[in-house]
Amino acid sequence: MSGSSRTTADLSPRQRKILFRCWHRGMREVDLLLGQFADEHIDRLTDEELDQLETLMDELDRDLLKWFTGEAEVPTRLDTPIFRRIVTSRSQMKF
């Protein structure tokens, strides 16, 4: 079970791959953060935003969780508009 409640019929192959990766991270907390964000926004993200999201997904889950929760300071290179949108949307997510 992926956790995703979104259809992928209207997504490009790149968007489908990113959506899948967001829901299949390994650490459930990060799956929920990235997966719910992707479910909600993947079809409206620009190529630049998709690039930023893919860059975030290359990081370790334990680091991502610390950055998303504010437990550790996010590296400058990852403090992107997409990162800030994920953090902002975190308060609206269902856990």
N, C-alpha and C. Protein backbone atom coordinates (compact mmCIF):
# COMPACT_ATOMS: atom_id res chain seq x y z
N MET A 1 0.84 -1.19 0.00
CA MET A 1 0.00 0.00 0.00
C MET A 1 0.88 1.23 0.00
N SER A 2 0.63 2.13 -0.92
CA SER A 2 1.46 3.32 -1.03
C SER A 2 1.01 4.42 -0.08
N GLY A 3 -0.25 4.49 0.23
CA GLY A 3 -0.77 5.60 1.02
C GLY A 3 -1.35 6.68 0.14
N SER A 4 -1.00 6.69 -1.12
CA SER A 4 -1.48 7.71 -2.03
C SER A 4 -2.95 7.52 -2.33
N SER A 5 -3.65 8.63 -2.38
CA SER A 5 -5.07 8.59 -2.71
C SER A 5 -5.32 9.25 -4.07
N ARG A 6 -4.27 9.48 -4.81
CA ARG A 6 -4.34 10.23 -6.05
C ARG A 6 -4.21 9.32 -7.25
N THR A 7 -4.98 9.62 -8.29
CA THR A 7 -4.83 8.91 -9.55
C THR A 7 -3.62 9.46 -10.29
N THR A 8 -2.98 8.62 -11.08
CA THR A 8 -1.82 9.08 -11.84
C THR A 8 -2.12 9.21 -13.33
N ALA A 9 -3.36 9.02 -13.71
CA ALA A 9 -3.72 9.02 -15.13
C ALA A 9 -3.36 10.33 -15.83
N ASP A 10 -3.41 11.44 -15.12
CA ASP A 10 -3.16 12.74 -15.74
C ASP A 10 -1.71 13.22 -15.58
N LEU A 11 -0.84 12.36 -15.07
CA LEU A 11 0.54 12.77 -14.79
C LEU A 11 1.50 12.29 -15.88
N SER A 12 2.56 13.07 -16.05
CA SER A 12 3.63 12.67 -16.97
C SER A 12 4.43 11.54 -16.31
N PRO A 13 5.22 10.83 -17.10
CA PRO A 13 6.07 9.78 -16.51
C PRO A 13 6.97 10.32 -15.39
N ARG A 14 7.52 11.50 -15.57
CA ARG A 14 8.37 12.08 -14.54
C ARG A 14 7.58 12.33 -13.25
N GLN A 15 6.40 12.89 -13.38
CA GLN A 15 5.57 13.16 -12.21
C GLN A 15 5.17 11.86 -11.51
N ARG A 16 4.85 10.83 -12.27
CA ARG A 16 4.51 9.53 -11.68
C ARG A 16 5.67 8.96 -10.88
N LYS A 17 6.86 9.05 -11.45
CA LYS A 17 8.06 8.54 -10.77
C LYS A 17 8.30 9.29 -9.47
N ILE A 18 8.18 10.60 -9.51
CA ILE A 18 8.38 11.41 -8.30
C ILE A 18 7.33 11.08 -7.26
N LEU A 19 6.09 10.96 -7.68
CA LEU A 19 5.01 10.63 -6.74
C LEU A 19 5.30 9.29 -6.07
N PHE A 20 5.69 8.31 -6.84
CA PHE A 20 6.02 6.99 -6.29
C PHE A 20 7.16 7.11 -5.28
N ARG A 21 8.21 7.81 -5.66
CA ARG A 21 9.37 7.96 -4.76
C ARG A 21 9.00 8.70 -3.48
N CYS A 22 8.08 9.65 -3.56
CA CYS A 22 7.66 10.38 -2.36
C CYS A 22 6.97 9.46 -1.36
N TRP A 23 6.24 8.48 -1.86
CA TRP A 23 5.50 7.56 -0.99
C TRP A 23 6.31 6.33 -0.58
N HIS A 24 7.47 6.12 -1.18
CA HIS A 24 8.26 4.92 -0.91
C HIS A 24 9.68 5.28 -0.49
N ARG A 25 9.79 6.00 0.58
CA ARG A 25 11.07 6.49 1.07
C ARG A 25 11.78 5.47 1.95
N GLY A 26 11.03 4.86 2.84
CA GLY A 26 11.64 3.94 3.80
C GLY A 26 11.28 4.31 5.22
N MET A 27 11.23 5.60 5.52
CA MET A 27 10.81 6.07 6.83
C MET A 27 9.38 6.60 6.70
N ARG A 28 8.47 5.97 7.41
CA ARG A 28 7.05 6.29 7.23
C ARG A 28 6.72 7.77 7.42
N GLU A 29 7.38 8.41 8.38
CA GLU A 29 7.11 9.82 8.63
C GLU A 29 7.44 10.67 7.39
N VAL A 30 8.54 10.34 6.74
CA VAL A 30 8.93 11.08 5.54
C VAL A 30 8.03 10.70 4.37
N ASP A 31 7.62 9.43 4.30
CA ASP A 31 6.62 9.03 3.29
C ASP A 31 5.39 9.92 3.40
N LEU A 32 4.92 10.11 4.61
CA LEU A 32 3.71 10.91 4.83
C LEU A 32 3.92 12.38 4.47
N LEU A 33 5.05 12.93 4.88
CA LEU A 33 5.32 14.34 4.57
C LEU A 33 5.44 14.58 3.07
N LEU A 34 6.30 13.82 2.42
CA LEU A 34 6.51 14.02 0.99
C LEU A 34 5.33 13.49 0.17
N GLY A 35 4.80 12.34 0.56
CA GLY A 35 3.71 11.74 -0.19
C GLY A 35 2.44 12.59 -0.20
N GLN A 36 2.05 13.07 0.97
CA GLN A 36 0.84 13.89 1.02
C GLN A 36 1.05 15.21 0.27
N PHE A 37 2.25 15.79 0.38
CA PHE A 37 2.56 17.00 -0.37
C PHE A 37 2.46 16.72 -1.87
N ALA A 38 3.07 15.62 -2.32
CA ALA A 38 3.05 15.29 -3.74
C ALA A 38 1.63 15.00 -4.23
N ASP A 39 0.85 14.26 -3.44
CA ASP A 39 -0.55 14.00 -3.82
C ASP A 39 -1.28 15.31 -4.12
N GLU A 40 -1.06 16.27 -3.28
CA GLU A 40 -1.78 17.54 -3.38
C GLU A 40 -1.26 18.45 -4.51
N HIS A 41 0.05 18.42 -4.77
CA HIS A 41 0.65 19.45 -5.63
C HIS A 41 1.35 18.96 -6.90
N ILE A 42 1.59 17.66 -7.05
CA ILE A 42 2.45 17.16 -8.12
C ILE A 42 2.02 17.62 -9.52
N ASP A 43 0.73 17.73 -9.74
CA ASP A 43 0.25 18.10 -11.07
C ASP A 43 0.40 19.58 -11.39
N ARG A 44 0.76 20.38 -10.39
CA ARG A 44 0.90 21.82 -10.60
C ARG A 44 2.33 22.33 -10.41
N LEU A 45 3.26 21.44 -10.14
CA LEU A 45 4.64 21.87 -9.94
C LEU A 45 5.33 22.14 -11.28
N THR A 46 6.12 23.19 -11.30
CA THR A 46 6.89 23.53 -12.50
C THR A 46 8.08 22.58 -12.60
N ASP A 47 8.75 22.59 -13.75
CA ASP A 47 9.95 21.77 -13.92
C ASP A 47 11.00 22.14 -12.87
N GLU A 48 11.16 23.42 -12.59
CA GLU A 48 12.13 23.85 -11.58
C GLU A 48 11.75 23.31 -10.19
N GLU A 49 10.47 23.35 -9.86
CA GLU A 49 10.01 22.82 -8.58
C GLU A 49 10.19 21.30 -8.51
N LEU A 50 9.95 20.62 -9.61
CA LEU A 50 10.19 19.18 -9.65
C LEU A 50 11.67 18.87 -9.46
N ASP A 51 12.53 19.70 -10.05
CA ASP A 51 13.98 19.54 -9.85
C ASP A 51 14.33 19.68 -8.37
N GLN A 52 13.76 20.69 -7.73
CA GLN A 52 14.01 20.92 -6.30
C GLN A 52 13.52 19.75 -5.46
N LEU A 53 12.36 19.22 -5.79
CA LEU A 53 11.82 18.08 -5.05
C LEU A 53 12.69 16.84 -5.24
N GLU A 54 13.14 16.61 -6.45
CA GLU A 54 14.03 15.46 -6.70
C GLU A 54 15.35 15.61 -5.94
N THR A 55 15.87 16.82 -5.85
CA THR A 55 17.09 17.06 -5.09
C THR A 55 16.87 16.74 -3.61
N LEU A 56 15.74 17.15 -3.06
CA LEU A 56 15.42 16.82 -1.67
C LEU A 56 15.34 15.31 -1.47
N MET A 57 14.74 14.61 -2.43
CA MET A 57 14.56 13.17 -2.30
C MET A 57 15.88 12.40 -2.36
N ASP A 58 16.95 13.05 -2.78
CA ASP A 58 18.26 12.40 -2.79
C ASP A 58 18.90 12.39 -1.40
N GLU A 59 18.31 13.11 -0.47
CA GLU A 59 18.86 13.18 0.89
C GLU A 59 18.34 12.02 1.75
N LEU A 60 19.04 11.75 2.83
CA LEU A 60 18.64 10.69 3.75
C LEU A 60 17.37 11.07 4.50
N ASP A 61 16.52 10.08 4.72
CA ASP A 61 15.26 10.31 5.43
C ASP A 61 15.48 10.93 6.81
N ARG A 62 16.45 10.44 7.55
CA ARG A 62 16.66 10.96 8.91
C ARG A 62 17.03 12.43 8.88
N ASP A 63 17.77 12.85 7.86
CA ASP A 63 18.12 14.27 7.72
C ASP A 63 16.89 15.09 7.31
N LEU A 64 16.15 14.58 6.34
CA LEU A 64 14.94 15.28 5.90
C LEU A 64 13.98 15.51 7.06
N LEU A 65 13.76 14.48 7.87
CA LEU A 65 12.84 14.61 8.98
C LEU A 65 13.30 15.69 9.96
N LYS A 66 14.58 15.72 10.25
CA LYS A 66 15.11 16.75 11.15
C LYS A 66 14.93 18.15 10.57
N TRP A 67 15.14 18.29 9.29
CA TRP A 67 14.97 19.60 8.65
C TRP A 67 13.51 20.01 8.59
N PHE A 68 12.64 19.06 8.25
CA PHE A 68 11.21 19.37 8.15
C PHE A 68 10.62 19.75 9.50
N THR A 69 11.09 19.12 10.55
CA THR A 69 10.53 19.39 11.88
C THR A 69 11.24 20.53 12.60
N GLY A 70 12.33 21.04 12.03
CA GLY A 70 13.06 22.13 12.65
C GLY A 70 14.06 21.67 13.70
N GLU A 71 14.25 20.37 13.83
CA GLU A 71 15.21 19.83 14.79
C GLU A 71 16.65 20.17 14.41
N ALA A 72 16.89 20.33 13.12
CA ALA A 72 18.21 20.71 12.61
C ALA A 72 18.01 21.77 11.54
N GLU A 73 19.02 22.60 11.38
CA GLU A 73 18.96 23.66 10.37
C GLU A 73 19.15 23.06 8.98
N VAL A 74 18.30 23.47 8.07
CA VAL A 74 18.38 22.97 6.70
C VAL A 74 19.59 23.60 6.01
N PRO A 75 20.36 22.81 5.28
CA PRO A 75 21.49 23.38 4.52
C PRO A 75 20.99 24.42 3.51
N THR A 76 21.77 25.43 3.33
CA THR A 76 21.40 26.53 2.44
C THR A 76 21.04 26.04 1.05
N ARG A 77 21.77 25.07 0.54
CA ARG A 77 21.53 24.58 -0.83
C ARG A 77 20.16 23.90 -0.97
N LEU A 78 19.57 23.46 0.16
CA LEU A 78 18.27 22.79 0.12
C LEU A 78 17.13 23.68 0.61
N ASP A 79 17.45 24.87 1.07
CA ASP A 79 16.42 25.79 1.57
C ASP A 79 15.78 26.49 0.38
N THR A 80 14.99 25.73 -0.34
CA THR A 80 14.38 26.16 -1.60
C THR A 80 12.90 26.49 -1.38
N PRO A 81 12.27 27.12 -2.36
CA PRO A 81 10.82 27.37 -2.24
C PRO A 81 10.02 26.07 -2.02
N ILE A 82 10.41 24.98 -2.65
CA ILE A 82 9.69 23.71 -2.46
C ILE A 82 9.86 23.22 -1.03
N PHE A 83 11.06 23.30 -0.50
CA PHE A 83 11.28 22.89 0.89
C PHE A 83 10.36 23.69 1.81
N ARG A 84 10.32 24.99 1.62
CA ARG A 84 9.49 25.85 2.49
C ARG A 84 8.00 25.56 2.31
N ARG A 85 7.58 25.22 1.10
CA ARG A 85 6.18 24.84 0.88
C ARG A 85 5.83 23.54 1.60
N ILE A 86 6.74 22.58 1.58
CA ILE A 86 6.49 21.32 2.29
C ILE A 86 6.37 21.58 3.78
N VAL A 87 7.28 22.38 4.32
CA VAL A 87 7.23 22.70 5.75
C VAL A 87 5.94 23.42 6.10
N THR A 88 5.53 24.37 5.27
CA THR A 88 4.30 25.11 5.51
C THR A 88 3.08 24.20 5.43
N SER A 89 3.07 23.30 4.46
CA SER A 89 1.90 22.42 4.28
C SER A 89 1.83 21.34 5.35
N ARG A 90 2.93 21.12 6.06
CA ARG A 90 2.99 20.08 7.10
C ARG A 90 1.89 20.26 8.14
N SER A 91 1.56 21.49 8.45
CA SER A 91 0.53 21.74 9.48
C SER A 91 -0.87 21.33 9.03
N GLN A 92 -1.07 21.18 7.72
CA GLN A 92 -2.37 20.80 7.18
C GLN A 92 -2.48 19.31 6.87
N MET A 93 -1.41 18.57 7.09
CA MET A 93 -1.39 17.16 6.73
C MET A 93 -2.09 16.30 7.76
N LYS A 94 -2.58 15.16 7.27
CA LYS A 94 -3.27 14.20 8.12
C LYS A 94 -2.32 13.06 8.47
N PHE A 95 -2.09 12.86 9.75
CA PHE A 95 -1.19 11.79 10.20
C PHE A 95 -1.94 10.75 10.96
